[in-house]
């Protein structure tokens, strides 16, 4: 399958591949819509029992395409825009099928959050995870704060959110943000082997296991997403958000005022 998102089923696994390698699989409006349509297809596909997300080329996903940052559909408020995005992400989080991310290269912002929304993460040793939204005058709205805190702990989540700095595979593994690390060359085979092992298990049991584990922090994640929605909507209205945008546009250091 060609296009910005590819789909196939192999060994009982629905494989969803982002295919904008020239943009490190950054998501513009078109590719984002197609991604979530394909994820829905993968979850519904009776030929598979597990979903695997991956990226073509050197990276998993570099988040929102910077050429479309701050743009909205005509007449759509910030609140409506964010609510629509979160509704998509909850479909992945609440999928009855296990979802595995195979992550290489850049996993930035929304791309990192996409990996976090999966049940398990296999990372190549060249991966760079980051939540750089603070450099753009905003914060996360796809679970970056709450899922990171659930997996890695509060102080590490604060570091990622407050600094915007990237971390590598070794640190991500130590912090519990990824589950397995391998080489870039072996990544897809490793992740598919893991996914196919799960796909060989009884599907109702897989769904039940996910239900039991997610019951421990599932409501916390949903509450965190709601909180991110409200915080992000407010941040879009700050002077510092406008200053961050102007500074990047004018290629200068921002002058934040706390307003």
Protein backbone atom coordinates (compact mmCIF):
# COMPACT_ATOMS: atom_id res chain seq x y z
CA UNK A 1 0.00 0.00 0.00
CA UNK A 2 1.43 3.37 -1.03
CA UNK A 3 0.73 6.80 0.42
CA UNK A 4 1.71 8.58 3.62
CA UNK A 5 0.47 5.66 5.73
CA UNK A 6 0.94 2.02 4.75
CA UNK A 7 -0.96 -1.02 6.01
CA UNK A 8 -0.50 -4.75 5.85
CA UNK A 9 -1.25 -7.84 7.94
CA UNK A 10 1.53 -10.32 8.62
CA UNK A 11 1.64 -13.23 11.07
CA UNK A 12 -1.58 -12.10 12.74
CA UNK A 13 -0.27 -8.55 13.19
CA UNK A 14 -1.71 -5.38 11.65
CA UNK A 15 1.33 -3.31 10.68
CA UNK A 16 0.72 0.43 10.36
CA UNK A 17 3.67 2.32 8.86
CA UNK A 18 4.07 6.08 8.67
CA UNK A 19 5.53 6.89 5.25
CA UNK A 20 6.86 10.45 5.10
CA UNK A 21 10.56 9.62 5.57
CA UNK A 22 11.67 12.88 3.98
CA UNK A 23 9.94 14.70 6.90
CA UNK A 24 10.94 12.15 9.56
CA UNK A 25 7.28 11.04 9.42
CA UNK A 26 5.99 14.36 10.71
CA UNK A 27 2.20 14.48 10.71
CA UNK A 28 0.40 17.10 8.65
CA UNK A 29 -3.42 17.23 8.54
CA UNK A 30 -3.70 14.73 5.69
CA UNK A 31 -1.29 12.12 7.04
CA UNK A 32 -2.68 12.48 10.57
CA UNK A 33 -6.23 11.82 9.39
CA UNK A 34 -5.04 8.83 7.36
CA UNK A 35 -3.03 7.48 10.31
CA UNK A 36 -6.05 7.40 12.60
CA UNK A 37 -8.28 5.94 9.90
CA UNK A 38 -5.69 3.19 9.42
CA UNK A 39 -5.39 2.57 13.16
CA UNK A 40 -9.19 2.15 13.30
CA UNK A 41 -8.93 -0.30 10.40
CA UNK A 42 -6.18 -2.25 12.19
CA UNK A 43 -8.18 -2.50 15.40
CA UNK A 44 -11.24 -3.73 13.50
CA UNK A 45 -9.39 -6.13 11.16
CA UNK A 46 -10.49 -9.69 11.94
CA UNK A 47 -7.31 -11.09 10.38
CA UNK A 48 -5.12 -9.65 13.14
CA UNK A 49 -4.93 -9.81 16.92
CA UNK A 50 -2.16 -7.28 17.57
CA UNK A 51 -1.33 -3.87 16.10
CA UNK A 52 2.22 -2.67 15.40
CA UNK A 53 3.12 0.96 14.67
CA UNK A 54 6.35 1.85 12.90
CA UNK A 55 7.91 4.47 10.63
CA UNK A 56 9.59 4.21 7.27
CA UNK A 57 13.06 5.67 6.89
CA UNK A 58 15.26 6.87 9.72
CA UNK A 59 12.59 7.94 12.25
CA UNK A 60 9.41 6.83 13.95
CA UNK A 61 7.59 10.18 14.02
CA UNK A 62 8.79 13.74 14.57
CA UNK A 63 5.37 14.93 15.71
CA UNK A 64 3.26 17.69 14.23
CA UNK A 65 4.65 18.99 10.93
CA UNK A 66 6.25 22.32 11.86
CA UNK A 67 4.88 23.83 8.64
CA UNK A 68 1.39 23.48 10.12
CA UNK A 69 2.08 24.40 13.74
CA UNK A 70 -0.63 26.69 15.12
CA UNK A 71 -2.94 26.23 12.12
CA UNK A 72 -6.59 25.27 12.60
CA UNK A 73 -9.50 24.40 10.37
CA UNK A 74 -11.53 27.54 9.66
CA UNK A 75 -13.92 28.30 12.51
CA UNK A 76 -12.47 25.63 14.80
CA UNK A 77 -11.57 26.80 18.30
CA UNK A 78 -8.47 25.64 20.19
CA UNK A 79 -10.72 23.63 22.52
CA UNK A 80 -12.49 21.89 19.63
CA UNK A 81 -9.20 21.22 17.86
CA UNK A 82 -7.67 19.61 20.93
CA UNK A 83 -10.83 17.66 21.80
CA UNK A 84 -10.89 16.09 18.33
CA UNK A 85 -7.25 15.09 18.62
CA UNK A 86 -7.69 13.56 22.05
CA UNK A 87 -10.72 11.54 20.93
CA UNK A 88 -8.50 9.89 18.31
CA UNK A 89 -5.76 9.13 20.80
CA UNK A 90 -8.17 7.55 23.27
CA UNK A 91 -9.21 5.07 20.58
CA UNK A 92 -5.64 3.82 20.47
CA UNK A 93 -5.21 3.80 24.26
CA UNK A 94 -8.48 1.92 24.69
CA UNK A 95 -7.93 -0.55 21.83
CA UNK A 96 -8.88 -4.07 22.88
CA UNK A 97 -5.96 -5.33 20.79
CA UNK A 98 -2.43 -4.91 22.19
CA UNK A 99 -0.47 -2.20 20.36
CA UNK A 100 3.31 -2.30 20.00
CA UNK A 101 5.46 0.59 18.80
CA UNK A 102 8.72 0.00 16.94
CA UNK A 103 10.60 3.26 17.49
CA UNK A 104 13.77 4.47 15.77
CA UNK A 105 15.45 7.80 15.16
CA UNK A 106 13.32 10.77 16.14
CA UNK A 107 10.26 10.34 18.38
CA UNK A 108 9.43 13.96 19.06
CA UNK A 109 6.45 15.64 20.71
CA UNK A 110 3.31 14.06 19.31
CA UNK A 111 5.48 11.28 17.89
CA UNK A 112 6.76 10.42 21.36
CA UNK A 113 3.19 10.61 22.67
CA UNK A 114 2.05 8.23 19.91
CA UNK A 115 4.60 5.69 21.16
CA UNK A 116 3.52 6.30 24.76
CA UNK A 117 -0.10 5.59 23.84
CA UNK A 118 0.92 2.06 22.82
CA UNK A 119 1.04 -0.88 25.24
CA UNK A 120 4.71 -1.73 24.66
CA UNK A 121 7.65 0.00 23.02
CA UNK A 122 10.62 -1.57 21.27
CA UNK A 123 13.33 1.02 20.60
CA UNK A 124 16.36 1.10 18.35
CA UNK A 125 19.52 2.20 20.11
CA UNK A 126 19.64 5.35 17.95
CA UNK A 127 16.31 6.68 19.21
CA UNK A 128 15.91 10.21 20.59
CA UNK A 129 12.77 10.86 22.64
CA UNK A 130 11.70 14.41 23.50
CA UNK A 131 8.76 16.57 24.49
CA UNK A 132 9.95 19.93 23.11
CA UNK A 133 6.58 21.72 23.27
CA UNK A 134 7.82 24.19 25.88
CA UNK A 135 10.08 25.69 23.18
CA UNK A 136 6.93 26.48 21.20
CA UNK A 137 5.12 28.16 24.10
CA UNK A 138 2.84 25.19 24.80
CA UNK A 139 2.91 21.80 26.56
CA UNK A 140 1.70 18.30 25.72
CA UNK A 141 -1.92 17.41 24.96
CA UNK A 142 -1.71 13.73 23.99
CA UNK A 143 -0.81 12.18 27.32
CA UNK A 144 2.85 13.20 27.38
CA UNK A 145 2.64 14.40 30.97
CA UNK A 146 0.41 11.78 32.54
CA UNK A 147 1.67 8.65 30.73
CA UNK A 148 5.30 9.67 31.22
CA UNK A 149 4.67 10.20 34.92
CA UNK A 150 2.91 6.82 35.17
CA UNK A 151 5.82 5.01 33.50
CA UNK A 152 8.88 6.96 34.60
CA UNK A 153 7.83 8.85 37.73
CA UNK A 154 6.90 12.45 38.47
CA UNK A 155 10.35 14.05 38.56
CA UNK A 156 11.43 12.49 35.25
CA UNK A 157 8.20 13.59 33.60
CA UNK A 158 8.83 17.10 34.89
CA UNK A 159 12.36 17.05 33.48
CA UNK A 160 11.14 16.06 30.01
CA UNK A 161 8.33 18.63 30.04
CA UNK A 162 10.31 21.49 31.58
CA UNK A 163 13.59 21.08 29.71
CA UNK A 164 12.33 19.92 26.33
CA UNK A 165 15.65 18.06 26.02
CA UNK A 166 15.92 14.65 24.31
CA UNK A 167 16.96 11.39 25.94
CA UNK A 168 18.38 8.27 24.30
CA UNK A 169 17.38 4.62 24.33
CA UNK A 170 19.53 3.61 27.30
CA UNK A 171 18.05 6.25 29.60
CA UNK A 172 14.53 5.64 28.29
CA UNK A 173 14.94 1.94 29.11
CA UNK A 174 16.24 2.70 32.59
CA UNK A 175 13.32 5.05 33.19
CA UNK A 176 10.73 2.51 32.02
CA UNK A 177 9.69 4.49 28.95
CA UNK A 178 10.65 1.64 26.62
CA UNK A 179 10.58 -2.10 27.21
CA UNK A 180 13.21 -3.51 24.83
CA UNK A 181 16.19 -2.05 22.96
CA UNK A 182 17.85 -3.45 19.85
CA UNK A 183 19.78 -2.21 16.82
CA UNK A 184 18.14 -0.16 14.05
CA UNK A 185 18.71 -3.01 11.59
CA UNK A 186 16.99 -5.55 13.86
CA UNK A 187 14.16 -3.31 15.10
CA UNK A 188 11.34 -4.32 12.75
CA UNK A 189 12.06 -8.04 13.05
CA UNK A 190 12.32 -7.80 16.84
CA UNK A 191 9.04 -5.90 17.16
CA UNK A 192 7.20 -8.16 14.72
CA UNK A 193 8.46 -11.28 16.51
CA UNK A 194 7.16 -9.88 19.80
CA UNK A 195 3.83 -8.91 18.25
CA UNK A 196 3.38 -12.29 16.56
CA UNK A 197 4.08 -14.12 19.82
CA UNK A 198 1.26 -12.18 21.42
CA UNK A 199 -0.97 -12.73 18.37
CA UNK A 200 -0.67 -16.50 18.90
CA UNK A 201 -2.33 -16.18 22.31
CA UNK A 202 -6.13 -16.29 22.88
CA UNK A 203 -7.48 -12.86 21.85
CA UNK A 204 -9.98 -12.58 24.68
CA UNK A 205 -7.20 -13.28 27.17
CA UNK A 206 -5.04 -10.56 25.59
CA UNK A 207 -7.89 -8.08 25.90
CA UNK A 208 -8.57 -9.16 29.48
CA UNK A 209 -4.91 -8.79 30.46
CA UNK A 210 -4.84 -5.28 29.01
CA UNK A 211 -8.08 -4.45 30.84
CA UNK A 212 -6.68 -5.63 34.17
CA UNK A 213 -3.39 -3.74 33.92
CA UNK A 214 -4.93 -0.57 32.52
CA UNK A 215 -7.40 -0.59 35.38
CA UNK A 216 -4.54 0.35 37.70
CA UNK A 217 -3.88 3.73 36.05
CA UNK A 218 -6.35 4.00 33.15
CA UNK A 219 -8.61 6.55 34.82
CA UNK A 220 -5.55 8.53 35.89
CA UNK A 221 -4.44 8.71 32.25
CA UNK A 222 -7.89 9.83 31.08
CA UNK A 223 -8.02 12.47 33.81
CA UNK A 224 -4.54 13.60 32.82
CA UNK A 225 -5.65 13.98 29.20
CA UNK A 226 -8.57 16.13 30.32
CA UNK A 227 -6.20 18.26 32.37
CA UNK A 228 -3.84 18.62 29.39
CA UNK A 229 -6.79 19.74 27.28
CA UNK A 230 -7.66 22.55 29.67
CA UNK A 231 -4.04 23.63 30.28
CA UNK A 232 -3.18 23.61 26.57
CA UNK A 233 -6.28 25.64 25.69
CA UNK A 234 -5.23 28.24 28.25
CA UNK A 235 -1.59 28.30 27.09
CA UNK A 236 -2.65 29.11 23.53
CA UNK A 237 -3.98 32.41 24.94
CA UNK A 238 -0.80 33.54 26.71
CA UNK A 239 1.54 36.31 25.61
CA UNK A 240 4.45 33.90 26.02
CA UNK A 241 2.93 31.56 23.42
CA UNK A 242 2.79 34.42 20.93
CA UNK A 243 6.35 35.42 21.89
CA UNK A 244 7.62 31.86 21.33
CA UNK A 245 6.04 31.84 17.86
CA UNK A 246 7.47 35.25 17.00
CA UNK A 247 10.95 34.33 18.23
CA UNK A 248 11.04 31.18 16.11
CA UNK A 249 9.74 33.06 13.09
CA UNK A 250 12.32 35.83 13.55
CA UNK A 251 15.11 33.39 14.51
CA UNK A 252 15.94 35.07 17.82
CA UNK A 253 15.92 34.21 21.53
CA UNK A 254 12.48 34.61 23.11
CA UNK A 255 11.81 37.20 25.81
CA UNK A 256 9.27 35.60 28.13
CA UNK A 257 7.29 37.77 30.55
CA UNK A 258 5.21 35.17 32.41
CA UNK A 259 1.96 36.45 30.93
